[in-house]
Amino acid sequence: MHSTRSEEESDLLAVLEATHGTASSPPAQVSRPVTPERSYPVVVGVAETPVGFLSVAVTNRGVAACTFDPEEVLTARLARTVSARIGTCDRRLDPVRRQLNRYFDGQSVSFSLTLDLRLVSDFGRAVLRATRDIPYGGVTTHESIAERIGRPEALRAVRNSLLTNPLCVLLPCHRAVSVDYPHDVGEYAGGHAAKRYLLSLEERADPPVTLEPTTV
């Protein structure tokens, strides 16, 4: 577990705070009913992390989103794609928050969460599943992922699927980098500073506990 931050991580945190805000200034919450247990097919909330506030959605099938998109943007997308009946329930959201905390504290390298991929196209699912083969602390290029899924000609579509990943951190699209890495990490939904922070976190970590693989 990390006891101190490197100078690089401290610099990246400063950039992230300027970009995403600090823990003392969370994003505006969308007003919705607090619902018990599984009364609503979708519940949405926010997870506070070192790379910013992540909007999290859990359905009756699993975790559908962990994204840098504002909560209201995610809610509108879920209403169109999954269900318009959306509430909030910390009991259903907290397992995601706890596992994110363990990851950012350097206590785990993976997530034991069932995922709901209804916000992802079939092509996007193939791309994001390929990111699960990139080891913790490692990277691969967008070109390598295109080759791995058998679509070397679809490089632009691969990059777009990585950039629009609705399950950031949980499906590690941040490990897919530019061919010019480490000079250029490549695009990321949370911005370059967030991507560099995640890669730095994983590169510096001692081998922590590995949880059961996330079910996709």
Protein backbone atom coordinates (compact mmCIF):
# COMPACT_ATOMS: atom_id res chain seq x y z
CA MET A 1 0.00 0.00 0.00
CA HIS A 2 1.29 3.45 -0.84
CA SER A 3 2.44 5.52 2.15
CA THR A 4 3.59 8.56 0.16
CA ARG A 5 2.93 10.02 -3.24
CA SER A 6 5.66 10.53 -5.81
CA GLU A 7 6.35 14.04 -7.10
CA GLU A 8 4.86 12.95 -10.44
CA GLU A 9 1.59 11.85 -8.80
CA SER A 10 1.43 15.10 -6.80
CA ASP A 11 1.86 17.14 -9.99
CA LEU A 12 -0.82 15.09 -11.73
CA LEU A 13 -3.20 15.55 -8.80
CA ALA A 14 -2.74 19.32 -9.05
CA VAL A 15 -3.72 19.17 -12.73
CA LEU A 16 -6.69 16.93 -11.94
CA GLU A 17 -7.96 19.26 -9.24
CA ALA A 18 -7.81 22.17 -11.66
CA THR A 19 -9.65 20.12 -14.29
CA HIS A 20 -12.21 18.12 -12.32
CA GLY A 21 -12.45 19.99 -9.03
CA THR A 22 -11.57 18.82 -5.53
CA ALA A 23 -13.29 16.60 -2.99
CA SER A 24 -14.60 19.73 -1.26
CA SER A 25 -16.51 20.75 -4.40
CA PRO A 26 -18.42 17.68 -5.63
CA PRO A 27 -20.52 17.86 -8.81
CA ALA A 28 -24.13 18.92 -8.50
CA GLN A 29 -26.32 15.95 -7.63
CA VAL A 30 -29.33 15.06 -9.75
CA SER A 31 -32.47 15.04 -7.66
CA ARG A 32 -34.12 11.63 -7.64
CA PRO A 33 -35.90 9.42 -5.10
CA VAL A 34 -33.91 7.38 -2.60
CA THR A 35 -35.07 3.84 -3.25
CA PRO A 36 -34.88 0.72 -1.11
CA GLU A 37 -33.05 -2.38 -2.30
CA ARG A 38 -33.96 -3.29 -5.92
CA SER A 39 -37.13 -1.21 -6.30
CA TYR A 40 -35.74 0.60 -9.33
CA PRO A 41 -34.12 -1.18 -12.29
CA VAL A 42 -31.33 1.45 -12.33
CA VAL A 43 -29.67 3.41 -9.54
CA VAL A 44 -27.14 6.17 -10.09
CA GLY A 45 -24.69 7.99 -7.83
CA VAL A 46 -21.19 9.44 -7.59
CA ALA A 47 -17.88 7.88 -6.50
CA GLU A 48 -15.12 10.20 -5.28
CA THR A 49 -11.66 9.19 -6.54
CA PRO A 50 -8.21 10.78 -6.92
CA VAL A 51 -8.88 11.28 -10.64
CA GLY A 52 -12.18 13.07 -10.10
CA PHE A 53 -15.80 12.25 -9.42
CA LEU A 54 -17.04 9.23 -11.35
CA SER A 55 -20.73 8.76 -12.16
CA VAL A 56 -21.72 5.20 -11.30
CA ALA A 57 -24.80 3.27 -12.41
CA VAL A 58 -25.93 -0.15 -11.20
CA THR A 59 -28.78 -2.10 -12.77
CA ASN A 60 -30.42 -5.37 -11.80
CA ARG A 61 -27.85 -7.05 -14.09
CA GLY A 62 -24.68 -5.40 -12.76
CA VAL A 63 -22.57 -2.25 -13.01
CA ALA A 64 -23.55 -0.39 -16.19
CA ALA A 65 -21.37 2.70 -15.83
CA CYS A 66 -18.35 4.15 -14.09
CA THR A 67 -17.74 7.24 -16.15
CA PHE A 68 -16.35 10.75 -16.18
CA ASP A 69 -19.61 11.94 -17.78
CA PRO A 70 -21.71 14.22 -15.54
CA GLU A 71 -24.46 12.39 -13.70
CA GLU A 72 -27.22 14.11 -15.67
CA VAL A 73 -25.64 13.05 -18.98
CA LEU A 74 -25.35 9.44 -17.79
CA THR A 75 -28.93 9.47 -16.49
CA ALA A 76 -30.30 10.66 -19.83
CA ARG A 77 -28.38 7.94 -21.66
CA LEU A 78 -29.59 5.25 -19.27
CA ALA A 79 -33.18 6.46 -19.65
CA ARG A 80 -32.91 6.03 -23.43
CA THR A 81 -31.05 2.72 -23.36
CA VAL A 82 -31.93 0.79 -20.20
CA SER A 83 -34.88 2.22 -18.26
CA ALA A 84 -36.45 5.58 -17.43
CA ARG A 85 -37.10 4.35 -13.90
CA ILE A 86 -33.92 5.60 -12.21
CA GLY A 87 -33.36 6.15 -8.50
CA THR A 88 -30.52 6.03 -6.01
CA CYS A 89 -29.61 3.44 -3.39
CA ASP A 90 -26.29 3.53 -1.53
CA ARG A 91 -26.60 -0.13 -0.60
CA ARG A 92 -26.35 -1.05 -4.29
CA LEU A 93 -23.73 1.59 -5.16
CA ASP A 94 -21.39 1.17 -2.21
CA PRO A 95 -19.80 -2.14 -3.35
CA VAL A 96 -18.52 -0.31 -6.44
CA ARG A 97 -17.24 2.58 -4.35
CA ARG A 98 -15.46 0.22 -1.95
CA GLN A 99 -13.69 -1.65 -4.73
CA LEU A 100 -12.65 1.62 -6.39
CA ASN A 101 -11.22 2.76 -3.04
CA ARG A 102 -9.22 -0.47 -2.75
CA TYR A 103 -7.86 -0.02 -6.26
CA PHE A 104 -6.80 3.60 -5.68
CA ASP A 105 -5.30 2.68 -2.30
CA GLY A 106 -3.15 0.06 -4.04
CA GLN A 107 -4.85 -2.84 -2.23
CA SER A 108 -6.22 -4.65 -5.30
CA VAL A 109 -5.43 -4.97 -8.99
CA SER A 110 -8.84 -6.06 -10.28
CA PHE A 111 -12.56 -5.87 -9.55
CA SER A 112 -14.99 -8.62 -8.54
CA LEU A 113 -18.03 -6.98 -10.08
CA THR A 114 -20.60 -8.21 -12.56
CA LEU A 115 -20.89 -5.76 -15.45
CA ASP A 116 -23.93 -4.83 -17.53
CA LEU A 117 -22.70 -3.88 -21.03
CA ARG A 118 -25.96 -2.54 -22.46
CA LEU A 119 -24.33 0.87 -23.02
CA VAL A 120 -21.67 -0.73 -25.24
CA SER A 121 -22.00 -1.85 -28.89
CA ASP A 122 -20.98 -5.35 -29.95
CA PHE A 123 -17.78 -3.96 -31.49
CA GLY A 124 -17.07 -1.94 -28.36
CA ARG A 125 -17.49 -5.06 -26.23
CA ALA A 126 -14.81 -6.85 -28.22
CA VAL A 127 -12.46 -3.88 -27.77
CA LEU A 128 -13.09 -3.50 -24.05
CA ARG A 129 -12.80 -7.23 -23.38
CA ALA A 130 -9.37 -7.06 -25.01
CA THR A 131 -8.28 -4.47 -22.44
CA ARG A 132 -8.81 -7.07 -19.71
CA ASP A 133 -5.89 -9.03 -21.14
CA ILE A 134 -3.50 -6.12 -20.52
CA PRO A 135 -1.79 -6.90 -17.20
CA TYR A 136 -1.91 -4.52 -14.25
CA GLY A 137 1.07 -2.20 -14.62
CA GLY A 138 1.35 -2.93 -18.34
CA VAL A 139 0.27 -1.13 -21.50
CA THR A 140 -0.47 -1.95 -25.12
CA THR A 141 -1.14 0.16 -28.19
CA HIS A 142 -4.40 0.86 -29.95
CA GLU A 143 -2.94 -0.87 -32.98
CA SER A 144 -2.26 -4.03 -30.97
CA ILE A 145 -5.85 -4.13 -29.75
CA ALA A 146 -7.14 -3.73 -33.32
CA GLU A 147 -4.96 -6.67 -34.34
CA ARG A 148 -6.03 -8.73 -31.33
CA ILE A 149 -9.73 -8.46 -32.17
CA GLY A 150 -9.07 -9.20 -35.83
CA ARG A 151 -9.93 -5.72 -37.09
CA PRO A 152 -6.61 -4.02 -37.95
CA GLU A 153 -8.36 -1.80 -40.48
CA ALA A 154 -10.74 -0.41 -37.83
CA LEU A 155 -8.19 1.59 -35.82
CA ARG A 156 -10.35 4.72 -35.63
CA ALA A 157 -13.32 2.70 -34.35
CA VAL A 158 -11.08 1.01 -31.77
CA ARG A 159 -9.88 4.38 -30.50
CA ASN A 160 -13.45 5.66 -30.32
CA SER A 161 -14.58 2.60 -28.35
CA LEU A 162 -11.76 3.16 -25.85
CA LEU A 163 -12.52 6.88 -25.57
CA THR A 164 -16.25 6.30 -24.98
CA ASN A 165 -15.83 3.38 -22.55
CA PRO A 166 -18.73 3.72 -20.04
CA LEU A 167 -16.86 1.56 -17.50
CA CYS A 168 -13.65 3.49 -16.96
CA VAL A 169 -11.13 1.95 -14.52
CA LEU A 170 -13.26 -1.22 -14.23
CA LEU A 171 -12.45 -2.10 -17.85
CA PRO A 172 -8.93 -0.65 -18.09
CA CYS A 173 -8.99 1.31 -21.33
CA HIS A 174 -6.34 3.58 -19.77
CA ARG A 175 -3.79 0.82 -20.46
CA ALA A 176 -4.25 1.29 -24.22
CA VAL A 177 -1.74 3.96 -25.22
CA SER A 178 -0.36 5.83 -28.21
CA VAL A 179 2.52 4.39 -30.22
CA ASP A 180 4.45 7.45 -28.95
CA TYR A 181 4.08 6.38 -25.31
CA PRO A 182 5.42 7.48 -22.84
CA HIS A 183 5.76 10.86 -24.57
CA ASP A 184 2.08 10.71 -25.54
CA VAL A 185 -0.30 8.52 -23.52
CA GLY A 186 -3.14 8.92 -26.00
CA GLU A 187 -6.67 10.21 -25.51
CA TYR A 188 -8.73 9.31 -22.45
CA ALA A 189 -12.26 10.17 -21.30
CA GLY A 190 -10.92 11.64 -18.06
CA GLY A 191 -8.14 13.60 -19.78
CA HIS A 192 -4.40 13.09 -20.11
CA ALA A 193 -3.62 13.86 -16.46
CA ALA A 194 -6.10 11.24 -15.21
CA LYS A 195 -4.66 8.64 -17.58
CA ARG A 196 -1.08 9.37 -16.52
CA TYR A 197 -2.15 9.15 -12.87
CA LEU A 198 -3.70 5.70 -13.36
CA LEU A 199 -0.67 4.41 -15.25
CA SER A 200 1.71 5.84 -12.64
CA LEU A 201 -0.36 4.29 -9.83
CA GLU A 202 -0.14 0.85 -11.42
CA GLU A 203 3.54 1.11 -12.37
CA ARG A 204 4.57 2.01 -8.82
CA ALA A 205 2.38 -0.47 -6.94
CA ASP A 206 3.67 -3.43 -5.00
CA PRO A 207 1.82 -6.61 -6.04
CA PRO A 208 -1.47 -6.27 -4.11
CA VAL A 209 -4.36 -8.66 -3.66
CA THR A 210 -6.06 -9.86 -6.84
CA LEU A 211 -9.83 -10.22 -6.59
CA GLU A 212 -11.93 -12.66 -8.58
CA PRO A 213 -12.18 -11.58 -12.24
CA THR A 214 -14.91 -9.17 -13.18
CA THR A 215 -17.74 -10.93 -15.01
CA VAL A 216 -18.59 -9.37 -18.37
